[in-house]
């Protein structure tokens, strides 16, 4: 058993997992798992640089996480940084700040590495516990059934803030591709007017965003056989929030969301509503994190576009993702 701490710093959020990893049983026991929306990627698509206020929000979260890691006595720490810091001209400022606070350098990984971690985190548990065919209780509120037997190969899709990773594999990765389509990037590129998110977006804005997403799917499909997968597994906050909305949860509930299934029809309904709604209407959803209110419409449209492109009738939602993959890499 190894006690590890994994940090995933993305475009929209920074997340921490402190866990005991047992390679012999394939079990990862959470001691602390948390997420802070820091919007590190604020403006990066437009300026090519990390904003000073975004860096300070991120460093504040790092200080909080450093105290938690020390409290739990983690033996190993790995800090992985993804799309926003990969794209920024001034990423050296980010690297120095993290090193000063946590004592480790952030690994600014490639999109392919990001995809590998996501696949491991999402499928290690699926292969060990679900492939045997055990059925779980139904999910109420339109979320769909719990994941029972799942056919391989899997298509794991990690919809982040700045990029989306596509990975197809059975027990191991067969093909992977990262494309620059994420909920923050799409919102900033298509849904802003005079510096503010349009409330609600216009039909022309949504159409332009959809065209951008479809072009990215064309790129992904050059490398990854998207339509060959038998099971679509969706990761990260946009997907888990769609599941929470589908289930009409009174608050965000990871246990209810993990391994729920959401049908294509329900994803389409939710995406359409989010892109027609106002900021106040989205903020009133009880399971909605305040940091996702303005970007969830774009994230839901990315998910819908993927399902329509691949022919998936449902998405299996996983709370285990790149963070879990980073933790396993240290075990």
C-alpha atoms as a PDB file:
ATOM      1  CA  UNK A   1       0.000   0.000   0.000  1.00  0.00           C
ATOM      2  CA  UNK A   2       1.391   3.390  -1.032  1.00  0.00           C
ATOM      3  CA  UNK A   3      -0.040   6.737   0.088  1.00  0.00           C
ATOM      4  CA  UNK A   4       0.092   9.119  -2.842  1.00  0.00           C
ATOM      5  CA  UNK A   5      -1.024  12.644  -3.671  1.00  0.00           C
ATOM      6  CA  UNK A   6      -1.990  13.564  -7.201  1.00  0.00           C
ATOM      7  CA  UNK A   7      -2.751  17.056  -8.486  1.00  0.00           C
ATOM      8  CA  UNK A   8      -4.337  17.735 -11.856  1.00  0.00           C
ATOM      9  CA  UNK A   9      -4.220  21.369 -12.905  1.00  0.00           C
ATOM     10  CA  UNK A  10      -6.379  22.017 -15.928  1.00  0.00           C
ATOM     11  CA  UNK A  11      -7.748  25.021 -17.756  1.00  0.00           C
ATOM     12  CA  UNK A  12     -10.790  25.522 -15.520  1.00  0.00           C
ATOM     13  CA  UNK A  13     -10.048  23.722 -12.259  1.00  0.00           C
ATOM     14  CA  UNK A  14      -7.304  22.299 -10.077  1.00  0.00           C
ATOM     15  CA  UNK A  15      -7.987  19.013  -8.283  1.00  0.00           C
ATOM     16  CA  UNK A  16      -6.334  17.027  -5.526  1.00  0.00           C
ATOM     17  CA  UNK A  17      -6.510  13.326  -4.692  1.00  0.00           C
ATOM     18  CA  UNK A  18      -4.798  11.836  -1.651  1.00  0.00           C
ATOM     19  CA  UNK A  19      -5.271   8.069  -1.682  1.00  0.00           C
ATOM     20  CA  UNK A  20      -3.887   4.716  -0.611  1.00  0.00           C
ATOM     21  CA  UNK A  21      -3.049   2.659  -3.712  1.00  0.00           C
ATOM     22  CA  UNK A  22      -2.864  -1.139  -3.548  1.00  0.00           C
ATOM     23  CA  UNK A  23      -1.438  -2.516  -6.826  1.00  0.00           C
ATOM     24  CA  UNK A  24      -2.091  -6.082  -5.687  1.00  0.00           C
ATOM     25  CA  UNK A  25      -5.866  -5.611  -5.561  1.00  0.00           C
ATOM     26  CA  UNK A  26      -6.218  -2.720  -8.020  1.00  0.00           C
ATOM     27  CA  UNK A  27      -7.970  -0.651  -5.352  1.00  0.00           C
ATOM     28  CA  UNK A  28      -7.536   3.064  -4.806  1.00  0.00           C
ATOM     29  CA  UNK A  29      -8.902   4.213  -1.432  1.00  0.00           C
ATOM     30  CA  UNK A  30      -9.654   7.941  -1.293  1.00  0.00           C
ATOM     31  CA  UNK A  31      -8.538   9.892   1.759  1.00  0.00           C
ATOM     32  CA  UNK A  32      -9.240  13.335   0.310  1.00  0.00           C
ATOM     33  CA  UNK A  33     -10.575  14.341  -3.100  1.00  0.00           C
ATOM     34  CA  UNK A  34     -11.421  17.946  -3.874  1.00  0.00           C
ATOM     35  CA  UNK A  35     -11.700  20.459  -6.678  1.00  0.00           C
ATOM     36  CA  UNK A  36     -11.258  24.232  -6.870  1.00  0.00           C
ATOM     37  CA  UNK A  37     -12.300  26.287  -9.889  1.00  0.00           C
ATOM     38  CA  UNK A  38      -9.390  28.659 -10.561  1.00  0.00           C
ATOM     39  CA  UNK A  39      -9.899  29.353 -14.287  1.00  0.00           C
ATOM     40  CA  UNK A  40      -6.142  29.190 -14.968  1.00  0.00           C
ATOM     41  CA  UNK A  41      -6.875  29.322 -18.694  1.00  0.00           C
ATOM     42  CA  UNK A  42      -8.627  32.694 -18.467  1.00  0.00           C
ATOM     43  CA  UNK A  43      -7.866  34.507 -21.719  1.00  0.00           C
ATOM     44  CA  UNK A  44      -5.081  32.129 -22.832  1.00  0.00           C
ATOM     45  CA  UNK A  45      -6.764  31.348 -26.156  1.00  0.00           C
ATOM     46  CA  UNK A  46      -6.788  35.085 -26.952  1.00  0.00           C
ATOM     47  CA  UNK A  47      -3.522  36.328 -25.380  1.00  0.00           C
ATOM     48  CA  UNK A  48      -1.311  33.254 -25.283  1.00  0.00           C
ATOM     49  CA  UNK A  49      -0.392  34.107 -21.665  1.00  0.00           C
ATOM     50  CA  UNK A  50      -1.526  33.137 -18.170  1.00  0.00           C
ATOM     51  CA  UNK A  51      -3.231  36.116 -16.512  1.00  0.00           C
ATOM     52  CA  UNK A  52      -1.733  37.348 -13.190  1.00  0.00           C
ATOM     53  CA  UNK A  53      -5.068  36.998 -11.371  1.00  0.00           C
ATOM     54  CA  UNK A  54      -5.505  33.456 -12.710  1.00  0.00           C
ATOM     55  CA  UNK A  55      -2.028  32.524 -11.474  1.00  0.00           C
ATOM     56  CA  UNK A  56      -2.757  33.919  -8.007  1.00  0.00           C
ATOM     57  CA  UNK A  57      -6.031  31.956  -7.758  1.00  0.00           C
ATOM     58  CA  UNK A  58      -4.111  28.822  -8.697  1.00  0.00           C
ATOM     59  CA  UNK A  59      -1.288  29.463  -6.226  1.00  0.00           C
ATOM     60  CA  UNK A  60      -3.831  30.044  -3.431  1.00  0.00           C
ATOM     61  CA  UNK A  61      -5.334  26.610  -4.131  1.00  0.00           C
ATOM     62  CA  UNK A  62      -1.839  25.083  -4.158  1.00  0.00           C
ATOM     63  CA  UNK A  63      -1.171  26.478  -0.674  1.00  0.00           C
ATOM     64  CA  UNK A  64      -4.392  24.906   0.588  1.00  0.00           C
ATOM     65  CA  UNK A  65      -3.509  21.573  -1.034  1.00  0.00           C
ATOM     66  CA  UNK A  66       0.021  21.620   0.420  1.00  0.00           C
ATOM     67  CA  UNK A  67      -1.451  21.709   3.942  1.00  0.00           C
ATOM     68  CA  UNK A  68      -3.774  18.773   3.177  1.00  0.00           C
ATOM     69  CA  UNK A  69      -0.956  16.684   1.688  1.00  0.00           C
ATOM     70  CA  UNK A  70       1.195  17.300   4.765  1.00  0.00           C
ATOM     71  CA  UNK A  71      -1.686  16.434   7.086  1.00  0.00           C
ATOM     72  CA  UNK A  72      -2.218  13.039   5.424  1.00  0.00           C
ATOM     73  CA  UNK A  73       1.486  12.246   5.190  1.00  0.00           C
ATOM     74  CA  UNK A  74       1.537  11.320   1.519  1.00  0.00           C
ATOM     75  CA  UNK A  75       4.754   9.552   0.521  1.00  0.00           C
ATOM     76  CA  UNK A  76       4.737  10.670  -3.105  1.00  0.00           C
ATOM     77  CA  UNK A  77       3.360  13.697  -4.938  1.00  0.00           C
ATOM     78  CA  UNK A  78       2.907  14.235  -8.651  1.00  0.00           C
ATOM     79  CA  UNK A  79       1.610  17.492 -10.136  1.00  0.00           C
ATOM     80  CA  UNK A  80       0.380  17.324 -13.718  1.00  0.00           C
ATOM     81  CA  UNK A  81      -0.572  20.423 -15.693  1.00  0.00           C
ATOM     82  CA  UNK A  82      -2.588  20.252 -18.868  1.00  0.00           C
ATOM     83  CA  UNK A  83      -3.900  22.406 -21.675  1.00  0.00           C
ATOM     84  CA  UNK A  84      -3.708  26.021 -20.428  1.00  0.00           C
ATOM     85  CA  UNK A  85      -0.172  25.818 -19.076  1.00  0.00           C
ATOM     86  CA  UNK A  86       0.924  23.854 -22.142  1.00  0.00           C
ATOM     87  CA  UNK A  87      -0.186  26.712 -24.406  1.00  0.00           C
ATOM     88  CA  UNK A  88       1.036  29.721 -22.385  1.00  0.00           C
ATOM     89  CA  UNK A  89       4.115  31.759 -23.262  1.00  0.00           C
ATOM     90  CA  UNK A  90       4.772  32.606 -19.594  1.00  0.00           C
ATOM     91  CA  UNK A  91       4.393  29.083 -18.207  1.00  0.00           C
ATOM     92  CA  UNK A  92       7.794  29.468 -16.464  1.00  0.00           C
ATOM     93  CA  UNK A  93       6.084  31.787 -13.923  1.00  0.00           C
ATOM     94  CA  UNK A  94       3.568  29.044 -13.234  1.00  0.00           C
ATOM     95  CA  UNK A  95       6.295  26.396 -12.864  1.00  0.00           C
ATOM     96  CA  UNK A  96       8.310  28.493 -10.388  1.00  0.00           C
ATOM     97  CA  UNK A  97       5.256  29.291  -8.274  1.00  0.00           C
ATOM     98  CA  UNK A  98       4.203  25.648  -7.957  1.00  0.00           C
ATOM     99  CA  UNK A  99       7.757  24.564  -7.116  1.00  0.00           C
ATOM    100  CA  UNK A 100       7.999  27.161  -4.349  1.00  0.00           C
ATOM    101  CA  UNK A 101       4.692  26.097  -2.767  1.00  0.00           C
ATOM    102  CA  UNK A 102       4.662  22.314  -3.203  1.00  0.00           C
ATOM    103  CA  UNK A 103       8.308  21.404  -3.682  1.00  0.00           C
ATOM    104  CA  UNK A 104       7.723  19.661  -7.015  1.00  0.00           C
ATOM    105  CA  UNK A 105       7.771  20.938 -10.557  1.00  0.00           C
ATOM    106  CA  UNK A 106       4.521  20.660 -12.464  1.00  0.00           C
ATOM    107  CA  UNK A 107       4.812  18.266 -15.372  1.00  0.00           C
ATOM    108  CA  UNK A 108       3.370  20.035 -18.390  1.00  0.00           C
ATOM    109  CA  UNK A 109       2.321  16.876 -20.174  1.00  0.00           C
ATOM    110  CA  UNK A 110       1.422  16.355 -23.798  1.00  0.00           C
ATOM    111  CA  UNK A 111      -2.128  15.702 -24.913  1.00  0.00           C
ATOM    112  CA  UNK A 112      -1.222  12.074 -25.594  1.00  0.00           C
ATOM    113  CA  UNK A 113       0.104  11.618 -22.044  1.00  0.00           C
ATOM    114  CA  UNK A 114      -3.038  13.271 -20.714  1.00  0.00           C
ATOM    115  CA  UNK A 115      -5.120  10.769 -22.661  1.00  0.00           C
ATOM    116  CA  UNK A 116      -3.157   7.811 -21.279  1.00  0.00           C
ATOM    117  CA  UNK A 117      -3.729   8.932 -17.687  1.00  0.00           C
ATOM    118  CA  UNK A 118      -7.432   9.512 -18.338  1.00  0.00           C
ATOM    119  CA  UNK A 119      -7.879   6.056 -19.847  1.00  0.00           C
ATOM    120  CA  UNK A 120      -6.138   4.331 -16.925  1.00  0.00           C
ATOM    121  CA  UNK A 121      -8.121   6.265 -14.343  1.00  0.00           C
ATOM    122  CA  UNK A 122     -11.457   5.640 -16.024  1.00  0.00           C
ATOM    123  CA  UNK A 123     -11.109   1.991 -17.024  1.00  0.00           C
ATOM    124  CA  UNK A 124      -9.024   0.311 -14.322  1.00  0.00           C
ATOM    125  CA  UNK A 125     -12.083   0.040 -12.092  1.00  0.00           C
ATOM    126  CA  UNK A 126     -14.429  -0.755 -14.978  1.00  0.00           C
ATOM    127  CA  UNK A 127     -12.328  -3.713 -16.059  1.00  0.00           C
ATOM    128  CA  UNK A 128     -11.960  -5.008 -12.514  1.00  0.00           C
ATOM    129  CA  UNK A 129     -15.466  -4.591 -11.145  1.00  0.00           C
ATOM    130  CA  UNK A 130     -18.001  -4.143 -13.930  1.00  0.00           C
ATOM    131  CA  UNK A 131     -16.884  -6.307 -16.798  1.00  0.00           C
ATOM    132  CA  UNK A 132     -18.095  -9.320 -14.816  1.00  0.00           C
ATOM    133  CA  UNK A 133     -21.646  -8.185 -15.402  1.00  0.00           C
ATOM    134  CA  UNK A 134     -22.939  -7.265 -11.929  1.00  0.00           C
ATOM    135  CA  UNK A 135     -26.019  -5.071 -12.200  1.00  0.00           C
ATOM    136  CA  UNK A 136     -26.504  -1.984 -10.103  1.00  0.00           C
ATOM    137  CA  UNK A 137     -29.723  -0.227  -9.078  1.00  0.00           C
ATOM    138  CA  UNK A 138     -31.490   2.058 -11.523  1.00  0.00           C
ATOM    139  CA  UNK A 139     -30.814   5.769 -11.363  1.00  0.00           C
ATOM    140  CA  UNK A 140     -33.882   7.902 -10.775  1.00  0.00           C
ATOM    141  CA  UNK A 141     -34.732  11.144 -12.535  1.00  0.00           C
ATOM    142  CA  UNK A 142     -33.831  10.263 -16.118  1.00  0.00           C
ATOM    143  CA  UNK A 143     -30.156   9.575 -15.545  1.00  0.00           C
ATOM    144  CA  UNK A 144     -30.386   6.020 -16.874  1.00  0.00           C
ATOM    145  CA  UNK A 145     -29.309   2.695 -15.442  1.00  0.00           C
ATOM    146  CA  UNK A 146     -26.161   2.085 -13.485  1.00  0.00           C
ATOM    147  CA  UNK A 147     -23.312   0.556 -15.445  1.00  0.00           C
ATOM    148  CA  UNK A 148     -23.598  -3.208 -15.575  1.00  0.00           C
ATOM    149  CA  UNK A 149     -21.769  -5.276 -18.193  1.00  0.00           C
ATOM    150  CA  UNK A 150     -19.841  -3.028 -20.565  1.00  0.00           C
ATOM    151  CA  UNK A 151     -18.570  -4.114 -23.963  1.00  0.00           C
ATOM    152  CA  UNK A 152     -15.056  -3.355 -25.161  1.00  0.00           C
ATOM    153  CA  UNK A 153     -13.421  -1.492 -26.754  1.00  0.00           C
ATOM    154  CA  UNK A 154     -14.016   1.644 -24.697  1.00  0.00           C
ATOM    155  CA  UNK A 155     -13.941   5.189 -26.015  1.00  0.00           C
ATOM    156  CA  UNK A 156     -12.878   7.385 -23.104  1.00  0.00           C
ATOM    157  CA  UNK A 157     -13.625  11.071 -23.624  1.00  0.00           C
ATOM    158  CA  UNK A 158     -12.254  13.658 -21.196  1.00  0.00           C
ATOM    159  CA  UNK A 159     -13.907  17.033 -21.850  1.00  0.00           C
ATOM    160  CA  UNK A 160     -11.725  19.612 -20.146  1.00  0.00           C
ATOM    161  CA  UNK A 161     -11.637  23.370 -20.127  1.00  0.00           C
ATOM    162  CA  UNK A 162      -9.169  23.851 -22.965  1.00  0.00           C
ATOM    163  CA  UNK A 163      -8.986  20.496 -24.701  1.00  0.00           C
ATOM    164  CA  UNK A 164     -10.764  17.174 -25.096  1.00  0.00           C
ATOM    165  CA  UNK A 165      -8.934  13.854 -25.051  1.00  0.00           C
ATOM    166  CA  UNK A 166     -10.148  10.837 -27.019  1.00  0.00           C
ATOM    167  CA  UNK A 167      -8.793   7.383 -26.208  1.00  0.00           C
ATOM    168  CA  UNK A 168      -9.860   4.034 -27.637  1.00  0.00           C
ATOM    169  CA  UNK A 169      -8.645   0.836 -26.011  1.00  0.00           C
ATOM    170  CA  UNK A 170      -9.435  -2.537 -24.516  1.00  0.00           C
ATOM    171  CA  UNK A 171      -7.117  -3.363 -21.621  1.00  0.00           C
ATOM    172  CA  UNK A 172      -4.561  -0.963 -23.050  1.00  0.00           C
ATOM    173  CA  UNK A 173      -4.657   2.191 -25.144  1.00  0.00           C
ATOM    174  CA  UNK A 174      -4.897   1.557 -28.891  1.00  0.00           C
ATOM    175  CA  UNK A 175      -5.152   5.140 -30.129  1.00  0.00           C
ATOM    176  CA  UNK A 176      -5.352   8.595 -28.558  1.00  0.00           C
ATOM    177  CA  UNK A 177      -5.702  12.200 -29.663  1.00  0.00           C
ATOM    178  CA  UNK A 178      -6.094  15.539 -27.915  1.00  0.00           C
ATOM    179  CA  UNK A 179      -7.866  18.388 -29.705  1.00  0.00           C
ATOM    180  CA  UNK A 180      -8.237  22.011 -28.643  1.00  0.00           C
ATOM    181  CA  UNK A 181     -11.944  21.929 -27.878  1.00  0.00           C
ATOM    182  CA  UNK A 182     -13.010  22.443 -24.268  1.00  0.00           C
ATOM    183  CA  UNK A 183     -15.785  24.188 -22.367  1.00  0.00           C
ATOM    184  CA  UNK A 184     -13.736  27.288 -21.465  1.00  0.00           C
ATOM    185  CA  UNK A 185     -12.029  27.620 -24.846  1.00  0.00           C
ATOM    186  CA  UNK A 186     -15.331  27.255 -26.738  1.00  0.00           C
ATOM    187  CA  UNK A 187     -17.089  29.721 -24.436  1.00  0.00           C
ATOM    188  CA  UNK A 188     -14.370  32.340 -24.807  1.00  0.00           C
ATOM    189  CA  UNK A 189     -14.059  31.801 -28.550  1.00  0.00           C
ATOM    190  CA  UNK A 190     -17.754  31.810 -29.453  1.00  0.00           C
ATOM    191  CA  UNK A 191     -20.050  32.956 -26.635  1.00  0.00           C
ATOM    192  CA  UNK A 192     -18.480  36.241 -25.525  1.00  0.00           C
ATOM    193  CA  UNK A 193     -19.756  39.659 -26.539  1.00  0.00           C
ATOM    194  CA  UNK A 194     -18.053  42.809 -25.242  1.00  0.00           C
ATOM    195  CA  UNK A 195     -16.130  40.683 -22.755  1.00  0.00           C
ATOM    196  CA  UNK A 196     -19.179  39.001 -21.201  1.00  0.00           C
ATOM    197  CA  UNK A 197     -20.895  35.677 -21.880  1.00  0.00           C
ATOM    198  CA  UNK A 198     -24.020  36.221 -23.998  1.00  0.00           C
ATOM    199  CA  UNK A 199     -27.093  35.541 -21.876  1.00  0.00           C
ATOM    200  CA  UNK A 200     -28.397  33.402 -23.519  1.00  0.00           C
ATOM    201  CA  UNK A 201     -26.246  32.690 -26.630  1.00  0.00           C
ATOM    202  CA  UNK A 202     -27.591  33.518 -30.067  1.00  0.00           C
ATOM    203  CA  UNK A 203     -28.344  30.845 -32.642  1.00  0.00           C
ATOM    204  CA  UNK A 204     -25.439  32.097 -34.765  1.00  0.00           C
ATOM    205  CA  UNK A 205     -23.020  31.789 -31.836  1.00  0.00           C
ATOM    206  CA  UNK A 206     -24.124  28.221 -31.118  1.00  0.00           C
ATOM    207  CA  UNK A 207     -23.877  27.289 -34.797  1.00  0.00           C
ATOM    208  CA  UNK A 208     -20.322  28.653 -35.035  1.00  0.00           C
ATOM    209  CA  UNK A 209     -19.342  26.755 -31.899  1.00  0.00           C
ATOM    210  CA  UNK A 210     -20.870  23.546 -33.241  1.00  0.00           C
ATOM    211  CA  UNK A 211     -18.924  23.938 -36.502  1.00  0.00           C
ATOM    212  CA  UNK A 212     -15.690  24.371 -34.524  1.00  0.00           C
ATOM    213  CA  UNK A 213     -16.438  21.222 -32.502  1.00  0.00           C
ATOM    214  CA  UNK A 214     -17.222  19.208 -35.641  1.00  0.00           C
ATOM    215  CA  UNK A 215     -13.917  20.284 -37.213  1.00  0.00           C
ATOM    216  CA  UNK A 216     -12.096  19.102 -34.081  1.00  0.00           C
ATOM    217  CA  UNK A 217     -13.908  15.760 -34.251  1.00  0.00           C
ATOM    218  CA  UNK A 218     -12.689  15.408 -37.842  1.00  0.00           C
ATOM    219  CA  UNK A 219      -9.137  15.862 -36.547  1.00  0.00           C
ATOM    220  CA  UNK A 220      -9.637  13.350 -33.738  1.00  0.00           C
ATOM    221  CA  UNK A 221     -11.057  10.810 -36.141  1.00  0.00           C
ATOM    222  CA  UNK A 222      -7.892  10.948 -38.266  1.00  0.00           C
ATOM    223  CA  UNK A 223      -6.092   9.211 -35.383  1.00  0.00           C
ATOM    224  CA  UNK A 224      -8.734   7.554 -33.210  1.00  0.00           C
ATOM    225  CA  UNK A 225     -11.367   5.138 -34.609  1.00  0.00           C
ATOM    226  CA  UNK A 226     -14.205   6.830 -32.747  1.00  0.00           C
ATOM    227  CA  UNK A 227     -16.980   4.718 -34.286  1.00  0.00           C
ATOM    228  CA  UNK A 228     -15.380   1.349 -33.446  1.00  0.00           C
ATOM    229  CA  UNK A 229     -15.928   1.685 -29.694  1.00  0.00           C
ATOM    230  CA  UNK A 230     -18.746  -0.273 -28.043  1.00  0.00           C
ATOM    231  CA  UNK A 231     -18.899   1.763 -24.811  1.00  0.00           C
ATOM    232  CA  UNK A 232     -18.555   5.537 -24.446  1.00  0.00           C
ATOM    233  CA  UNK A 233     -17.127   6.623 -21.086  1.00  0.00           C
ATOM    234  CA  UNK A 234     -17.338  10.338 -20.286  1.00  0.00           C
ATOM    235  CA  UNK A 235     -15.098  12.145 -17.797  1.00  0.00           C
ATOM    236  CA  UNK A 236     -14.697  15.519 -16.111  1.00  0.00           C
ATOM    237  CA  UNK A 237     -16.967  18.262 -14.861  1.00  0.00           C
ATOM    238  CA  UNK A 238     -19.054  18.959 -17.951  1.00  0.00           C
ATOM    239  CA  UNK A 239     -20.086  15.297 -18.208  1.00  0.00           C
ATOM    240  CA  UNK A 240     -20.654  14.748 -14.488  1.00  0.00           C
ATOM    241  CA  UNK A 241     -22.741  17.930 -14.289  1.00  0.00           C
ATOM    242  CA  UNK A 242     -24.912  16.745 -17.186  1.00  0.00           C
ATOM    243  CA  UNK A 243     -25.496  13.499 -15.260  1.00  0.00           C
ATOM    244  CA  UNK A 244     -26.416  15.431 -12.115  1.00  0.00           C
ATOM    245  CA  UNK A 245     -28.932  17.492 -14.101  1.00  0.00           C
ATOM    246  CA  UNK A 246     -30.321  14.368 -15.773  1.00  0.00           C
ATOM    247  CA  UNK A 247     -30.916  12.794 -12.370  1.00  0.00           C
ATOM    248  CA  UNK A 248     -32.372  16.030 -10.959  1.00  0.00           C
ATOM    249  CA  UNK A 249     -30.107  15.699  -7.932  1.00  0.00           C
ATOM    250  CA  UNK A 250     -30.808  18.091  -5.035  1.00  0.00           C
ATOM    251  CA  UNK A 251     -27.035  18.628  -4.748  1.00  0.00           C
ATOM    252  CA  UNK A 252     -23.894  17.356  -6.421  1.00  0.00           C
ATOM    253  CA  UNK A 253     -23.543  13.699  -5.348  1.00  0.00           C
ATOM    254  CA  UNK A 254     -20.454  11.860  -6.598  1.00  0.00           C
ATOM    255  CA  UNK A 255     -21.779   8.445  -5.529  1.00  0.00           C
ATOM    256  CA  UNK A 256     -24.985   8.923  -7.537  1.00  0.00           C
ATOM    257  CA  UNK A 257     -23.110  10.246 -10.569  1.00  0.00           C
ATOM    258  CA  UNK A 258     -20.322   7.649 -10.698  1.00  0.00           C
ATOM    259  CA  UNK A 259     -21.160   4.940 -13.271  1.00  0.00           C
ATOM    260  CA  UNK A 260     -24.570   6.384 -14.090  1.00  0.00           C
ATOM    261  CA  UNK A 261     -25.718   6.193 -17.720  1.00  0.00           C
ATOM    262  CA  UNK A 262     -27.261   9.112 -19.569  1.00  0.00           C
ATOM    263  CA  UNK A 263     -29.052   8.546 -22.854  1.00  0.00           C
ATOM    264  CA  UNK A 264     -28.405  10.469 -26.051  1.00  0.00           C
ATOM    265  CA  UNK A 265     -31.939  11.879 -25.933  1.00  0.00           C
ATOM    266  CA  UNK A 266     -31.452  13.194 -22.400  1.00  0.00           C
ATOM    267  CA  UNK A 267     -28.065  14.744 -23.267  1.00  0.00           C
ATOM    268  CA  UNK A 268     -29.681  16.478 -26.238  1.00  0.00           C
ATOM    269  CA  UNK A 269     -32.510  17.858 -24.056  1.00  0.00           C
ATOM    270  CA  UNK A 270     -30.081  19.145 -21.438  1.00  0.00           C
ATOM    271  CA  UNK A 271     -27.686  20.663 -23.972  1.00  0.00           C
ATOM    272  CA  UNK A 272     -30.531  22.459 -25.749  1.00  0.00           C
ATOM    273  CA  UNK A 273     -31.856  23.845 -22.463  1.00  0.00           C
ATOM    274  CA  UNK A 274     -28.446  25.014 -21.251  1.00  0.00           C
ATOM    275  CA  UNK A 275     -27.850  26.883 -24.512  1.00  0.00           C
ATOM    276  CA  UNK A 276     -31.262  28.562 -24.281  1.00  0.00           C
ATOM    277  CA  UNK A 277     -31.059  29.448 -20.600  1.00  0.00           C
ATOM    278  CA  UNK A 278     -29.870  32.570 -18.813  1.00  0.00           C
ATOM    279  CA  UNK A 279     -27.058  32.768 -16.288  1.00  0.00           C
ATOM    280  CA  UNK A 280     -29.599  32.979 -13.456  1.00  0.00           C
ATOM    281  CA  UNK A 281     -31.476  29.896 -14.667  1.00  0.00           C
ATOM    282  CA  UNK A 282     -28.294  27.818 -14.887  1.00  0.00           C
ATOM    283  CA  UNK A 283     -27.064  29.083 -11.519  1.00  0.00           C
ATOM    284  CA  UNK A 284     -30.351  27.952  -9.947  1.00  0.00           C
ATOM    285  CA  UNK A 285     -29.640  24.286 -10.785  1.00  0.00           C
ATOM    286  CA  UNK A 286     -28.859  22.821  -7.327  1.00  0.00           C
ATOM    287  CA  UNK A 287     -26.070  20.528  -8.541  1.00  0.00           C
ATOM    288  CA  UNK A 288     -24.296  23.247 -10.548  1.00  0.00           C
ATOM    289  CA  UNK A 289     -20.874  24.379  -9.332  1.00  0.00           C
ATOM    290  CA  UNK A 290     -20.723  28.204  -9.499  1.00  0.00           C
ATOM    291  CA  UNK A 291     -17.551  27.999 -11.584  1.00  0.00           C
ATOM    292  CA  UNK A 292     -19.333  26.020 -14.317  1.00  0.00           C
ATOM    293  CA  UNK A 293     -22.398  28.226 -14.783  1.00  0.00           C
ATOM    294  CA  UNK A 294     -21.024  30.123 -17.790  1.00  0.00           C
ATOM    295  CA  UNK A 295     -19.167  27.225 -19.471  1.00  0.00           C
ATOM    296  CA  UNK A 296     -21.488  24.233 -18.992  1.00  0.00           C
ATOM    297  CA  UNK A 297     -23.478  24.952 -22.164  1.00  0.00           C
ATOM    298  CA  UNK A 298     -20.359  24.626 -24.297  1.00  0.00           C
ATOM    299  CA  UNK A 299     -19.288  21.484 -22.433  1.00  0.00           C
ATOM    300  CA  UNK A 300     -22.670  19.847 -22.915  1.00  0.00           C
ATOM    301  CA  UNK A 301     -22.595  20.653 -26.637  1.00  0.00           C
ATOM    302  CA  UNK A 302     -19.171  18.998 -26.954  1.00  0.00           C
ATOM    303  CA  UNK A 303     -20.590  15.854 -25.314  1.00  0.00           C
ATOM    304  CA  UNK A 304     -23.678  15.868 -27.543  1.00  0.00           C
ATOM    305  CA  UNK A 305     -21.572  16.321 -30.679  1.00  0.00           C
ATOM    306  CA  UNK A 306     -19.368  13.363 -29.711  1.00  0.00           C
ATOM    307  CA  UNK A 307     -22.373  11.113 -29.078  1.00  0.00           C
ATOM    308  CA  UNK A 308     -23.962  12.034 -32.393  1.00  0.00           C
ATOM    309  CA  UNK A 309     -20.688  11.537 -34.285  1.00  0.00           C
ATOM    310  CA  UNK A 310     -19.999   8.111 -32.751  1.00  0.00           C
ATOM    311  CA  UNK A 311     -23.568   6.825 -32.732  1.00  0.00           C
ATOM    312  CA  UNK A 312     -23.457   6.238 -28.965  1.00  0.00           C
ATOM    313  CA  UNK A 313     -26.920   5.735 -27.510  1.00  0.00           C
ATOM    314  CA  UNK A 314     -25.697   6.534 -24.004  1.00  0.00           C
ATOM    315  CA  UNK A 315     -22.650   7.700 -22.068  1.00  0.00           C
ATOM    316  CA  UNK A 316     -21.313   5.950 -18.969  1.00  0.00           C
ATOM    317  CA  UNK A 317     -20.267   8.702 -16.566  1.00  0.00           C
ATOM    318  CA  UNK A 318     -17.140   8.245 -14.470  1.00  0.00           C
ATOM    319  CA  UNK A 319     -15.923  10.298 -11.529  1.00  0.00           C
ATOM    320  CA  UNK A 320     -12.576   8.521 -11.916  1.00  0.00           C
ATOM    321  CA  UNK A 321     -10.387  10.096 -14.538  1.00  0.00           C
ATOM    322  CA  UNK A 322      -6.965  11.611 -15.121  1.00  0.00           C
ATOM    323  CA  UNK A 323      -6.519  12.264 -11.377  1.00  0.00           C
ATOM    324  CA  UNK A 324      -6.847   8.550 -10.621  1.00  0.00           C
ATOM    325  CA  UNK A 325      -4.512   7.737 -13.509  1.00  0.00           C
ATOM    326  CA  UNK A 326      -1.877  10.085 -12.052  1.00  0.00           C
ATOM    327  CA  UNK A 327      -2.253   8.385  -8.656  1.00  0.00           C
ATOM    328  CA  UNK A 328      -1.810   4.915 -10.189  1.00  0.00           C
ATOM    329  CA  UNK A 329       1.339   6.083 -11.986  1.00  0.00           C
ATOM    330  CA  UNK A 330       3.010   6.470  -8.591  1.00  0.00           C
ATOM    331  CA  UNK A 331       1.924   3.054  -7.315  1.00  0.00           C
END
